[in-house]
Protein backbone atom coordinates (compact mmCIF):
# COMPACT_ATOMS: atom_id res chain seq x y z
CA MET A 1 -35.42 -14.48 -16.88
CA THR A 2 -33.23 -11.44 -17.34
CA THR A 3 -29.42 -12.09 -16.35
CA PRO A 4 -28.21 -9.70 -13.60
CA ARG A 5 -25.97 -7.15 -14.73
CA LYS A 6 -22.31 -7.48 -13.51
CA THR A 7 -20.51 -5.06 -11.44
CA ARG A 8 -17.85 -3.28 -13.81
CA VAL A 9 -14.86 -2.60 -11.77
CA ALA A 10 -12.13 -0.55 -13.13
CA ILE A 11 -8.59 -2.04 -11.80
CA VAL A 12 -6.16 0.97 -11.93
CA PHE A 13 -2.58 0.26 -11.69
CA GLY A 14 1.14 1.10 -12.46
CA GLY A 15 1.28 4.73 -11.90
CA ARG A 16 4.38 7.26 -11.59
CA SER A 17 5.82 5.86 -8.41
CA THR A 18 8.75 3.92 -8.04
CA GLU A 19 6.21 1.23 -6.96
CA HIS A 20 5.19 0.71 -10.64
CA ALA A 21 6.15 -2.82 -11.15
CA ILE A 22 4.75 -3.88 -7.59
CA SER A 23 1.41 -2.40 -8.50
CA CYS A 24 1.31 -4.15 -11.76
CA VAL A 25 1.74 -7.68 -9.87
CA SER A 26 -0.95 -6.64 -7.52
CA ALA A 27 -3.15 -5.70 -10.27
CA GLY A 28 -2.50 -9.08 -11.93
CA ALA A 29 -3.45 -11.06 -8.77
CA ILE A 30 -6.77 -9.07 -8.49
CA LEU A 31 -7.99 -9.54 -11.84
CA GLY A 32 -6.99 -13.29 -11.45
CA ALA A 33 -9.05 -13.24 -8.29
CA LEU A 34 -12.30 -11.40 -9.42
CA ASP A 35 -15.40 -13.83 -9.64
CA PRO A 36 -16.09 -13.61 -13.75
CA ASP A 37 -19.78 -14.32 -12.95
CA GLN A 38 -20.14 -11.60 -10.93
CA TYR A 39 -17.59 -8.69 -12.24
CA GLU A 40 -16.43 -7.33 -15.31
CA ALA A 41 -13.10 -5.87 -15.04
CA VAL A 42 -11.81 -2.87 -16.79
CA PRO A 43 -8.14 -2.97 -16.54
CA VAL A 44 -6.64 0.50 -16.75
CA GLY A 45 -2.77 0.91 -16.62
CA ILE A 46 -0.77 4.33 -16.01
CA THR A 47 2.35 4.44 -17.57
CA ARG A 48 5.19 6.18 -15.28
CA GLU A 49 4.82 9.49 -17.50
CA GLY A 50 0.89 9.35 -16.36
CA ARG A 51 -0.81 8.36 -19.51
CA TRP A 52 -3.90 6.28 -18.77
CA VAL A 53 -4.29 3.20 -21.24
CA LEU A 54 -6.84 0.59 -21.54
CA ALA A 55 -4.42 -2.13 -20.84
CA ALA A 56 -4.42 -6.12 -21.31
CA GLY A 57 -6.26 -8.03 -18.61
CA ASP A 58 -3.96 -11.19 -18.40
CA PRO A 59 -2.62 -11.60 -14.99
CA ALA A 60 0.47 -13.49 -16.72
CA GLN A 61 1.46 -10.46 -18.25
CA LEU A 62 1.78 -8.55 -14.82
CA ALA A 63 3.60 -11.21 -13.14
CA ILE A 64 7.15 -11.23 -12.01
CA SER A 65 9.56 -13.19 -14.49
CA GLY A 66 12.62 -14.17 -12.84
CA THR A 67 14.12 -10.75 -12.08
CA ASP A 68 12.05 -9.09 -14.68
CA LEU A 69 9.53 -6.55 -13.51
CA PRO A 70 6.21 -5.81 -15.37
CA GLU A 71 5.66 -2.13 -16.71
CA ILE A 72 2.91 -0.33 -18.45
CA THR A 73 4.01 1.48 -21.29
CA SER A 74 2.24 3.83 -23.82
CA SER A 75 2.18 0.63 -26.11
CA SER A 76 0.19 -1.11 -23.89
CA GLY A 77 -3.50 -0.19 -24.86
CA ASP A 78 -5.59 2.66 -26.14
CA SER A 79 -5.71 6.06 -24.26
CA LEU A 80 -8.20 6.46 -21.82
CA VAL A 81 -9.76 9.84 -20.05
CA LEU A 82 -12.03 10.35 -16.92
CA ALA A 83 -15.39 11.76 -17.21
CA ALA A 84 -17.82 12.21 -14.23
CA GLY A 85 -18.62 8.66 -13.60
CA GLU A 86 -17.23 7.48 -16.76
CA LEU A 87 -14.14 6.22 -18.46
CA LEU A 88 -13.61 7.21 -22.26
CA VAL A 89 -11.48 5.51 -24.57
CA ARG A 90 -9.94 8.08 -27.13
CA ASP A 91 -8.99 6.08 -30.08
CA PRO A 92 -7.35 8.11 -33.34
CA ALA A 93 -9.55 5.83 -35.47
CA GLU A 94 -12.91 6.19 -33.79
CA GLY A 95 -12.38 9.41 -31.65
CA MET A 96 -13.93 8.96 -28.23
CA ARG A 97 -15.79 6.03 -27.27
CA ASP A 98 -17.62 5.30 -23.96
CA LEU A 99 -16.92 2.48 -21.85
CA ALA A 100 -20.51 2.78 -20.55
CA GLY A 101 -19.18 3.84 -16.88
CA VAL A 102 -17.85 1.86 -14.19
CA ASP A 103 -19.43 0.99 -10.88
CA VAL A 104 -16.38 1.11 -8.83
CA VAL A 105 -12.63 1.67 -9.13
CA PHE A 106 -10.01 -0.31 -7.63
CA PRO A 107 -7.11 1.75 -7.23
CA VAL A 108 -4.23 -0.70 -6.74
CA LEU A 109 -1.68 2.03 -6.89
CA HIS A 110 1.30 2.00 -4.46
CA GLY A 111 3.15 5.28 -3.41
CA ALA A 112 3.13 8.61 -4.82
CA TYR A 113 0.14 9.68 -7.13
CA GLY A 114 -1.88 6.79 -5.96
CA GLU A 115 -1.67 5.78 -2.37
CA ASP A 116 -1.15 9.34 -1.33
CA GLY A 117 -4.66 10.58 -1.82
CA THR A 118 -4.04 11.90 -5.45
CA ILE A 119 -6.37 9.60 -7.17
CA GLN A 120 -8.65 9.69 -4.37
CA GLY A 121 -9.67 13.14 -4.68
CA MET A 122 -9.90 12.84 -8.19
CA LEU A 123 -12.35 10.06 -8.01
CA GLU A 124 -14.12 11.78 -5.12
CA MET A 125 -14.65 14.78 -7.60
CA ALA A 126 -15.76 12.65 -10.61
CA GLY A 127 -18.09 10.99 -8.25
CA ILE A 128 -17.08 7.30 -8.64
CA PRO A 129 -16.84 4.90 -5.41
CA TYR A 130 -13.44 3.37 -5.01
CA VAL A 131 -11.85 0.95 -2.67
CA GLY A 132 -9.35 2.10 0.12
CA ALA A 133 -8.74 5.08 2.34
CA ASN A 134 -10.03 8.63 1.66
CA VAL A 135 -7.96 11.51 0.53
CA PHE A 136 -6.85 12.46 4.21
CA ALA A 137 -6.20 9.19 5.36
CA SER A 138 -4.25 8.23 2.28
CA ALA A 139 -2.10 11.37 2.40
CA ALA A 140 -1.65 10.95 6.25
CA ALA A 141 -0.58 7.10 6.04
CA MET A 142 1.66 7.71 2.96
CA ASP A 143 3.39 10.41 4.82
CA LYS A 144 5.63 8.62 7.74
CA GLU A 145 6.24 11.78 9.84
CA PHE A 146 2.24 12.54 10.03
CA THR A 147 1.40 8.73 10.66
CA LYS A 148 3.85 8.86 13.64
CA LYS A 149 2.51 12.13 14.81
CA LEU A 150 -1.14 10.95 14.71
CA ALA A 151 -0.11 7.77 16.50
CA VAL A 152 1.63 9.50 19.09
CA VAL A 153 -1.48 11.32 19.86
CA GLU A 154 -3.74 8.25 20.04
CA GLY A 155 -1.06 6.63 22.55
CA ILE A 156 0.31 4.35 19.96
CA PRO A 157 3.96 4.09 20.60
CA VAL A 158 6.70 5.13 18.01
CA GLY A 159 10.38 4.70 18.23
CA PRO A 160 12.92 7.79 18.04
CA TYR A 161 12.99 9.24 14.77
CA ALA A 162 14.24 12.90 13.15
CA VAL A 163 12.59 14.69 10.02
CA LEU A 164 14.92 16.16 7.61
CA ARG A 165 13.25 18.88 5.27
CA ALA A 166 14.73 19.68 2.02
CA GLY A 167 18.20 21.10 2.62
CA VAL A 168 18.28 20.04 6.29
CA SER A 169 20.54 17.57 7.57
CA LEU A 170 21.07 15.77 10.88
CA SER A 171 22.08 17.51 13.88
CA GLU A 172 24.58 16.70 16.13
CA ALA A 173 22.08 16.32 18.93
CA ASP A 174 20.11 14.33 16.79
CA LYS A 175 22.88 11.92 16.11
CA GLU A 176 23.63 11.52 19.57
CA ARG A 177 20.06 11.02 20.55
CA LEU A 178 19.30 8.17 17.64
CA GLY A 179 22.42 6.53 17.80
CA LEU A 180 23.76 4.01 15.61
CA PRO A 181 22.47 2.36 13.32
CA VAL A 182 19.85 4.59 11.72
CA PHE A 183 17.58 4.00 8.84
CA VAL A 184 17.37 6.73 6.47
CA LYS A 185 14.33 6.83 4.38
CA PRO A 186 12.00 9.08 2.12
CA SER A 187 9.15 10.23 4.04
CA ARG A 188 6.50 9.37 1.42
CA ALA A 189 7.59 5.82 -0.37
CA GLY A 190 6.93 2.29 0.21
CA SER A 191 8.35 -1.20 -0.90
CA SER A 192 11.37 -0.39 0.80
CA THR A 193 12.52 1.76 -1.91
CA GLY A 194 15.21 4.46 -1.10
CA ILE A 195 15.82 3.37 1.89
CA THR A 196 19.47 3.04 3.41
CA LYS A 197 20.91 1.37 6.62
CA VAL A 198 23.56 3.68 8.11
CA THR A 199 26.36 1.91 10.54
CA ASP A 200 28.90 4.58 9.91
CA TRP A 201 27.92 8.54 10.05
CA ALA A 202 30.18 8.95 7.18
CA ASP A 203 27.83 7.48 4.99
CA LEU A 204 24.67 9.74 6.12
CA ASP A 205 24.92 12.19 3.48
CA ALA A 206 25.00 9.54 0.80
CA ALA A 207 22.14 7.76 2.46
CA ILE A 208 19.84 11.16 2.50
CA ALA A 209 20.81 11.96 -1.11
CA THR A 210 19.55 8.56 -2.18
CA ALA A 211 16.13 8.80 -0.21
CA ARG A 212 15.86 12.57 -1.58
CA GLN A 213 15.80 11.10 -5.02
CA ILE A 214 12.35 9.87 -4.04
CA ASP A 215 11.28 12.68 -1.58
CA PRO A 216 12.63 15.84 -0.35
CA LYS A 217 11.67 15.14 2.91
CA VAL A 218 13.65 12.33 4.67
CA LEU A 219 13.30 10.37 8.01
CA VAL A 220 16.04 9.11 10.11
CA GLU A 221 14.97 6.42 12.21
CA ALA A 222 16.83 4.56 15.14
CA ALA A 223 17.07 0.78 14.51
CA ILE A 224 15.02 -0.93 16.77
CA VAL A 225 16.09 -4.43 17.64
CA GLY A 226 12.96 -6.67 17.60
CA ARG A 227 10.69 -8.76 15.66
CA GLU A 228 8.85 -7.33 12.45
CA ILE A 229 5.17 -8.06 13.29
CA GLU A 230 2.42 -7.32 10.82
CA CYS A 231 -1.45 -7.15 10.97
CA GLY A 232 -3.86 -6.96 8.14
CA VAL A 233 -7.22 -4.66 8.58
CA LEU A 234 -10.34 -4.75 6.89
CA GLU A 235 -13.06 -2.18 6.86
CA GLY A 236 -16.34 -3.81 8.66
CA GLU A 237 -18.96 -4.84 6.68
CA ASN A 238 -22.22 -2.87 6.49
CA GLY A 239 -20.84 -0.03 8.49
CA GLY A 240 -19.46 -2.46 11.41
CA ALA A 241 -16.36 -1.96 13.26
CA PRO A 242 -12.87 -2.91 11.29
CA GLU A 243 -11.38 -6.13 11.91
CA ALA A 244 -7.78 -7.50 12.43
CA SER A 245 -6.43 -10.75 10.74
CA LEU A 246 -4.16 -13.15 12.45
CA LEU A 247 -0.50 -11.74 12.82
CA ALA A 248 2.48 -12.56 10.77
CA GLU A 249 6.35 -12.51 11.60
CA ILE A 250 8.85 -11.61 8.76
CA HIS A 251 12.17 -13.48 8.88
CA VAL A 252 15.01 -12.25 7.04
CA ASP A 253 17.59 -15.06 7.75
CA ASP A 254 19.97 -14.02 4.43
CA ALA A 255 19.49 -10.56 4.63
CA ASP A 256 20.44 -7.60 6.81
CA TRP A 257 16.81 -6.28 6.70
CA TYR A 258 13.65 -6.48 4.60
CA ASP A 259 14.72 -4.71 1.66
CA PHE A 260 13.06 -4.53 -1.82
CA GLU A 261 15.04 -7.76 -2.97
CA THR A 262 14.30 -9.75 -0.04
CA LYS A 263 10.43 -8.73 -0.38
CA TYR A 264 9.91 -9.42 -4.09
CA LEU A 265 12.93 -11.10 -5.81
CA VAL A 266 14.88 -13.42 -3.38
CA GLY A 267 11.84 -14.16 -0.96
CA SER A 268 11.60 -14.50 2.70
CA ARG A 269 10.35 -16.46 5.47
CA TYR A 270 7.16 -15.76 7.25
CA THR A 271 5.22 -17.33 10.33
CA ILE A 272 1.41 -16.79 10.68
CA PRO A 273 0.26 -16.62 13.20
CA ALA A 274 3.33 -15.20 14.67
CA ASP A 275 4.52 -16.61 17.56
CA LEU A 276 3.80 -14.33 20.34
CA SER A 277 2.03 -14.74 23.70
CA PRO A 278 -1.71 -14.62 23.79
CA GLU A 279 -1.32 -11.06 25.67
CA LEU A 280 1.15 -9.41 23.30
CA THR A 281 -1.03 -11.01 20.04
CA LYS A 282 -4.14 -9.19 21.43
CA ARG A 283 -2.22 -5.81 22.45
CA VAL A 284 -0.59 -5.83 18.43
CA ARG A 285 -3.96 -6.32 17.10
CA GLU A 286 -5.57 -3.78 19.16
CA PHE A 287 -2.61 -1.01 18.16
CA ALA A 288 -3.33 -2.11 14.57
CA LEU A 289 -7.08 -1.28 14.80
CA ARG A 290 -6.35 1.67 16.68
CA THR A 291 -4.04 3.00 14.08
CA PHE A 292 -6.58 2.31 11.26
CA THR A 293 -9.20 4.48 13.00
CA ALA A 294 -6.81 7.11 14.13
CA LEU A 295 -6.07 7.83 10.68
CA ASP A 296 -9.63 7.39 9.47
CA CYS A 297 -8.75 4.55 7.35
CA ALA A 298 -11.44 2.60 5.09
CA GLY A 299 -11.21 -0.59 3.17
CA LEU A 300 -8.02 -2.06 4.08
CA ALA A 301 -4.61 -1.48 5.70
CA ARG A 302 -1.45 -3.31 6.75
CA VAL A 303 -0.05 -2.00 9.88
CA ASP A 304 3.72 -3.17 10.72
CA PHE A 305 5.11 -3.03 14.11
CA PHE A 306 8.26 -4.07 15.88
CA VAL A 307 8.16 -6.33 18.81
CA THR A 308 11.06 -6.06 21.15
CA GLU A 309 12.40 -9.16 23.42
CA SER A 310 11.05 -7.38 26.59
CA GLY A 311 7.61 -7.09 25.10
CA GLU A 312 7.39 -3.29 24.01
CA ILE A 313 5.60 -2.50 20.56
CA PHE A 314 6.42 0.25 18.28
CA LEU A 315 4.48 1.08 15.05
CA ASN A 316 6.58 1.26 11.96
CA GLU A 317 4.44 2.28 9.53
CA ILE A 318 0.76 1.80 8.07
CA ASN A 319 0.23 0.96 4.34
CA THR A 320 -3.45 1.98 2.96
CA MET A 321 -2.95 0.08 -0.53
CA PRO A 322 -0.64 -2.77 0.87
CA GLY A 323 1.12 -5.21 -1.85
CA MET A 324 -1.61 -7.72 -3.11
CA THR A 325 0.71 -9.96 -4.83
CA PRO A 326 0.72 -13.51 -4.56
CA THR A 327 3.65 -13.44 -1.83
CA SER A 328 2.22 -10.46 -0.25
CA MET A 329 1.78 -10.39 3.49
CA PHE A 330 -1.80 -8.54 3.57
CA PRO A 331 -3.58 -11.58 1.37
CA GLN A 332 -1.41 -14.23 3.24
CA MET A 333 -2.65 -12.88 6.59
CA TRP A 334 -6.33 -13.09 5.74
CA ALA A 335 -5.85 -16.44 4.12
CA ALA A 336 -4.55 -17.85 7.30
CA THR A 337 -7.49 -16.18 9.24
CA GLY A 338 -9.93 -17.86 6.76
CA LEU A 339 -10.67 -15.19 4.15
CA GLU A 340 -9.32 -16.35 0.99
CA TYR A 341 -7.75 -14.00 -1.55
CA PRO A 342 -10.91 -13.92 -3.94
CA LYS A 343 -13.33 -13.33 -0.83
CA VAL A 344 -11.00 -10.42 0.39
CA VAL A 345 -11.08 -8.86 -2.97
CA ASP A 346 -15.13 -9.18 -3.10
CA ARG A 347 -15.40 -7.82 0.51
CA LEU A 348 -13.16 -4.70 -0.56
CA ILE A 349 -15.54 -4.06 -3.49
CA ARG A 350 -18.60 -4.53 -1.42
CA THR A 351 -17.69 -2.52 1.09
CA ALA A 352 -16.61 0.46 -1.38
CA LEU A 353 -19.93 0.15 -3.13
CA HIS A 354 -21.62 0.34 0.55
CA ARG A 355 -19.77 3.38 1.31
CA GLY A 356 -20.23 5.42 -2.00
CA THR A 357 -18.65 8.41 -2.53
CA GLY A 358 -17.98 11.54 -0.58
CA LEU A 359 -16.39 11.88 3.00
CA HIS A 360 -15.95 8.77 4.67
């Protein structure tokens, strides 16, 4: 009896963005969750300089150790190149050797050059199925300005904000409209990198400069006093409608706001399911699904909201490749909903293969 061939999954991680380390941690968790009887993992790391290497597949090497963050370097493995439907290793001693192609790519890349449509376009051109949103959805979700614009068209509330393109600062009229405090952030980034909470206009220029180290386009958002509520969304199976997870509420008792250190190093509390009324819970989940659909997403997304004391709901952002680390909210919410991490990973791969390549 012939043993069925395993599905070959290229886990692509690292990358050139400021979220390199978190991508590595996410990849380690996914590698650990893959069923070895069903899947053959091909771990592909991308260095901060953009070099692709066939990396080690040991999840322990990709974990955070204390405050030390993992990183892919040029010495992490052999060089790789991408051909139509195949990954090839360029070895100085052997020349080019074929990895026999992969069936699907799981691009666990957060931020620029990964979550913004860059790698999605490359995979589309190469004809390789992949997990997650397509080029347009990835780019639109990555850019917070256009996320907000598309949400407003669909009737999804967003808070007051201003967009500062390169060379532009905040006008006096916008200062009066937004009030203090404000959050200054790169328009295209994640993991709370490059964000500053400004409580005095004298600090605004420094905050803008910090954000522009990541992205020349900057958002200035009015602070919304409310609870931070998140919802996970998964693409429906076999072409079905997307599904929403139970909601989570983030608590930042010992921090001023939910920054990088609180997310990944110090830790934060969360409640699943969030302690909201049935009516508010239903509305948040509906808004999450509508946001997913409005941006034409696929695969997965984490949609973040603020819920005020009076029951107003405001979209904060959507992540088309949310953190998949052991402490990340997306897998935690789905586990509470009844879908454990290995099943989430399996479903993402299956829906990607069902969808195939091309516009979706």
